[in-house]
C-alpha atoms as a PDB file:
ATOM      1  CA  UNK A   1      57.639  68.293  16.859  1.00  0.00           C
ATOM      2  CA  UNK A   2      60.829  69.636  18.109  1.00  0.00           C
ATOM      3  CA  UNK A   3      63.024  66.977  16.698  1.00  0.00           C
ATOM      4  CA  UNK A   4      61.404  67.749  13.444  1.00  0.00           C
ATOM      5  CA  UNK A   5      62.484  71.582  13.196  1.00  0.00           C
ATOM      6  CA  UNK A   6      65.865  70.687  14.434  1.00  0.00           C
ATOM      7  CA  UNK A   7      66.493  68.458  11.362  1.00  0.00           C
ATOM      8  CA  UNK A   8      65.105  70.850   8.829  1.00  0.00           C
ATOM      9  CA  UNK A   9      67.461  73.392  10.260  1.00  0.00           C
ATOM     10  CA  UNK A  10      70.193  71.191  10.304  1.00  0.00           C
ATOM     11  CA  UNK A  11      69.425  70.319   6.733  1.00  0.00           C
ATOM     12  CA  UNK A  12      69.460  74.114   5.463  1.00  0.00           C
ATOM     13  CA  UNK A  13      72.699  74.408   7.499  1.00  0.00           C
ATOM     14  CA  UNK A  14      74.160  71.724   5.731  1.00  0.00           C
ATOM     15  CA  UNK A  15      72.910  73.213   2.492  1.00  0.00           C
ATOM     16  CA  UNK A  16      74.357  76.488   3.093  1.00  0.00           C
ATOM     17  CA  UNK A  17      78.006  75.064   4.013  1.00  0.00           C
ATOM     18  CA  UNK A  18      77.795  73.101   1.112  1.00  0.00           C
ATOM     19  CA  UNK A  19      77.164  76.079  -1.231  1.00  0.00           C
ATOM     20  CA  UNK A  20      79.801  77.761   0.527  1.00  0.00           C
ATOM     21  CA  UNK A  21      82.440  75.244   0.025  1.00  0.00           C
ATOM     22  CA  UNK A  22      81.500  74.991  -3.606  1.00  0.00           C
ATOM     23  CA  UNK A  23      81.819  78.865  -4.006  1.00  0.00           C
ATOM     24  CA  UNK A  24      84.805  78.753  -2.489  1.00  0.00           C
ATOM     25  CA  UNK A  25      86.436  76.230  -4.476  1.00  0.00           C
ATOM     26  CA  UNK A  26      85.145  77.672  -7.668  1.00  0.00           C
ATOM     27  CA  UNK A  27      86.912  81.286  -6.511  1.00  0.00           C
ATOM     28  CA  UNK A  28      90.259  79.313  -5.359  1.00  0.00           C
ATOM     29  CA  UNK A  29      90.088  77.482  -8.894  1.00  0.00           C
ATOM     30  CA  UNK A  30      89.659  80.930 -10.519  1.00  0.00           C
ATOM     31  CA  UNK A  31      92.660  82.699  -8.762  1.00  0.00           C
ATOM     32  CA  UNK A  32      94.955  79.584  -9.470  1.00  0.00           C
ATOM     33  CA  UNK A  33      94.027  80.100 -13.276  1.00  0.00           C
ATOM     34  CA  UNK A  34      94.968  83.833 -13.278  1.00  0.00           C
ATOM     35  CA  UNK A  35      97.937  82.877 -11.252  1.00  0.00           C
ATOM     36  CA  UNK A  36      98.936  80.330 -14.100  1.00  0.00           C
ATOM     37  CA  UNK A  37      98.398  82.567 -16.915  1.00  0.00           C
ATOM     38  CA  UNK A  38     100.967  84.934 -15.151  1.00  0.00           C
ATOM     39  CA  UNK A  39     103.611  82.266 -14.512  1.00  0.00           C
ATOM     40  CA  UNK A  40     103.125  81.044 -17.930  1.00  0.00           C
ATOM     41  CA  UNK A  41     104.121  84.847 -19.098  1.00  0.00           C
ATOM     42  CA  UNK A  42     107.104  84.894 -16.825  1.00  0.00           C
ATOM     43  CA  UNK A  43     108.409  81.686 -17.931  1.00  0.00           C
ATOM     44  CA  UNK A  44     107.941  82.150 -21.821  1.00  0.00           C
ATOM     45  CA  UNK A  45     109.650  85.818 -21.198  1.00  0.00           C
ATOM     46  CA  UNK A  46     112.663  83.805 -19.600  1.00  0.00           C
ATOM     47  CA  UNK A  47     112.610  81.316 -22.069  1.00  0.00           C
ATOM     48  CA  UNK A  48     113.092  84.229 -24.759  1.00  0.00           C
ATOM     49  CA  UNK A  49     115.669  85.784 -22.362  1.00  0.00           C
ATOM     50  CA  UNK A  50     118.068  82.748 -22.069  1.00  0.00           C
ATOM     51  CA  UNK A  51     117.527  82.272 -26.135  1.00  0.00           C
ATOM     52  CA  UNK A  52     119.449  85.731 -26.659  1.00  0.00           C
ATOM     53  CA  UNK A  53     121.552  85.034 -24.059  1.00  0.00           C
ATOM     54  CA  UNK A  54     122.943  81.586 -25.319  1.00  0.00           C
ATOM     55  CA  UNK A  55     122.546  82.652 -28.979  1.00  0.00           C
ATOM     56  CA  UNK A  56     119.797  80.489 -30.127  1.00  0.00           C
ATOM     57  CA  UNK A  57     117.955  83.559 -31.281  1.00  0.00           C
ATOM     58  CA  UNK A  58     118.670  86.186 -33.326  1.00  0.00           C
ATOM     59  CA  UNK A  59     117.551  89.836 -32.920  1.00  0.00           C
ATOM     60  CA  UNK A  60     114.806  89.302 -35.884  1.00  0.00           C
ATOM     61  CA  UNK A  61     113.801  86.114 -33.876  1.00  0.00           C
ATOM     62  CA  UNK A  62     113.670  87.654 -30.778  1.00  0.00           C
ATOM     63  CA  UNK A  63     111.605  90.611 -32.106  1.00  0.00           C
ATOM     64  CA  UNK A  64     109.217  88.497 -33.435  1.00  0.00           C
ATOM     65  CA  UNK A  65     108.545  86.555 -30.283  1.00  0.00           C
ATOM     66  CA  UNK A  66     108.508  89.614 -28.266  1.00  0.00           C
ATOM     67  CA  UNK A  67     105.765  91.189 -30.651  1.00  0.00           C
ATOM     68  CA  UNK A  68     103.572  88.060 -30.212  1.00  0.00           C
ATOM     69  CA  UNK A  69     104.097  87.981 -26.298  1.00  0.00           C
ATOM     70  CA  UNK A  70     102.877  91.918 -26.538  1.00  0.00           C
ATOM     71  CA  UNK A  71      99.843  91.044 -28.318  1.00  0.00           C
ATOM     72  CA  UNK A  72      98.726  88.216 -26.147  1.00  0.00           C
ATOM     73  CA  UNK A  73      99.135  90.479 -23.309  1.00  0.00           C
ATOM     74  CA  UNK A  74      97.630  93.191 -24.866  1.00  0.00           C
ATOM     75  CA  UNK A  75      94.516  90.973 -25.439  1.00  0.00           C
ATOM     76  CA  UNK A  76      94.591  89.646 -21.959  1.00  0.00           C
ATOM     77  CA  UNK A  77      94.350  93.353 -20.342  1.00  0.00           C
ATOM     78  CA  UNK A  78      91.721  94.470 -23.290  1.00  0.00           C
ATOM     79  CA  UNK A  79      89.559  90.939 -21.872  1.00  0.00           C
ATOM     80  CA  UNK A  80      90.033  91.768 -18.173  1.00  0.00           C
ATOM     81  CA  UNK A  81      88.980  95.705 -18.579  1.00  0.00           C
ATOM     82  CA  UNK A  82      85.992  94.470 -20.664  1.00  0.00           C
ATOM     83  CA  UNK A  83      84.749  92.271 -17.554  1.00  0.00           C
ATOM     84  CA  UNK A  84      85.435  94.140 -14.723  1.00  0.00           C
ATOM     85  CA  UNK A  85      88.922  92.838 -14.001  1.00  0.00           C
ATOM     86  CA  UNK A  86      88.232  89.075 -14.740  1.00  0.00           C
ATOM     87  CA  UNK A  87      88.429  86.723 -17.356  1.00  0.00           C
ATOM     88  CA  UNK A  88      85.503  84.576 -18.569  1.00  0.00           C
ATOM     89  CA  UNK A  89      86.418  80.635 -18.544  1.00  0.00           C
ATOM     90  CA  UNK A  90      86.112  81.195 -22.285  1.00  0.00           C
ATOM     91  CA  UNK A  91      88.752  83.917 -22.224  1.00  0.00           C
ATOM     92  CA  UNK A  92      91.121  81.887 -19.938  1.00  0.00           C
ATOM     93  CA  UNK A  93      90.812  78.490 -22.347  1.00  0.00           C
ATOM     94  CA  UNK A  94      91.567  80.684 -25.707  1.00  0.00           C
ATOM     95  CA  UNK A  95      94.399  82.373 -23.521  1.00  0.00           C
ATOM     96  CA  UNK A  96      95.821  78.726 -22.608  1.00  0.00           C
ATOM     97  CA  UNK A  97      95.826  77.773 -26.187  1.00  0.00           C
ATOM     98  CA  UNK A  98      97.465  80.969 -27.651  1.00  0.00           C
ATOM     99  CA  UNK A  99     100.113  80.689 -25.070  1.00  0.00           C
ATOM    100  CA  UNK A 100     100.677  77.083 -26.228  1.00  0.00           C
ATOM    101  CA  UNK A 101     101.416  78.249 -29.318  1.00  0.00           C
ATOM    102  CA  UNK A 102     103.432  80.741 -28.301  1.00  0.00           C
ATOM    103  CA  UNK A 103     105.371  78.249 -26.312  1.00  0.00           C
ATOM    104  CA  UNK A 104     105.789  75.921 -29.411  1.00  0.00           C
ATOM    105  CA  UNK A 105     106.987  78.698 -31.405  1.00  0.00           C
ATOM    106  CA  UNK A 106     109.694  79.919 -28.915  1.00  0.00           C
ATOM    107  CA  UNK A 107     110.607  76.314 -29.327  1.00  0.00           C
ATOM    108  CA  UNK A 108     110.640  75.927 -32.453  1.00  0.00           C
ATOM    109  CA  UNK A 109     112.539  79.320 -33.076  1.00  0.00           C
ATOM    110  CA  UNK A 110     115.222  78.076 -30.649  1.00  0.00           C
ATOM    111  CA  UNK A 111     115.746  75.010 -32.066  1.00  0.00           C
ATOM    112  CA  UNK A 112     115.536  75.855 -35.900  1.00  0.00           C
ATOM    113  CA  UNK A 113     119.405  75.316 -36.438  1.00  0.00           C
ATOM    114  CA  UNK A 114     122.455  77.292 -36.789  1.00  0.00           C
ATOM    115  CA  UNK A 115     121.522  81.140 -36.696  1.00  0.00           C
ATOM    116  CA  UNK A 116     123.365  83.624 -39.099  1.00  0.00           C
END
């Protein structure tokens, strides 16, 4: 009888440890995603700055890209505010798609030929 109780307690402990580990992994992934969003913002800002410095972006092109970046940053702040400081998975996916489009716009604008 004593062995049976011990097995049941061990099973409950294993389930608890597994659930805690899964929660930790999920929270770590969420923090990593938040970090990637911030890192991409910084990288894209640097790419725009490099384009200004090397002359591949005109002032008008720079302003256009900066406005797109500012609009996305405002959307991120609004989404976070609406969700208690966090982003939902759907919002993270949407932000990723928007950052991909902005990255493509930066590349295309920097490589669109001689600037006047």
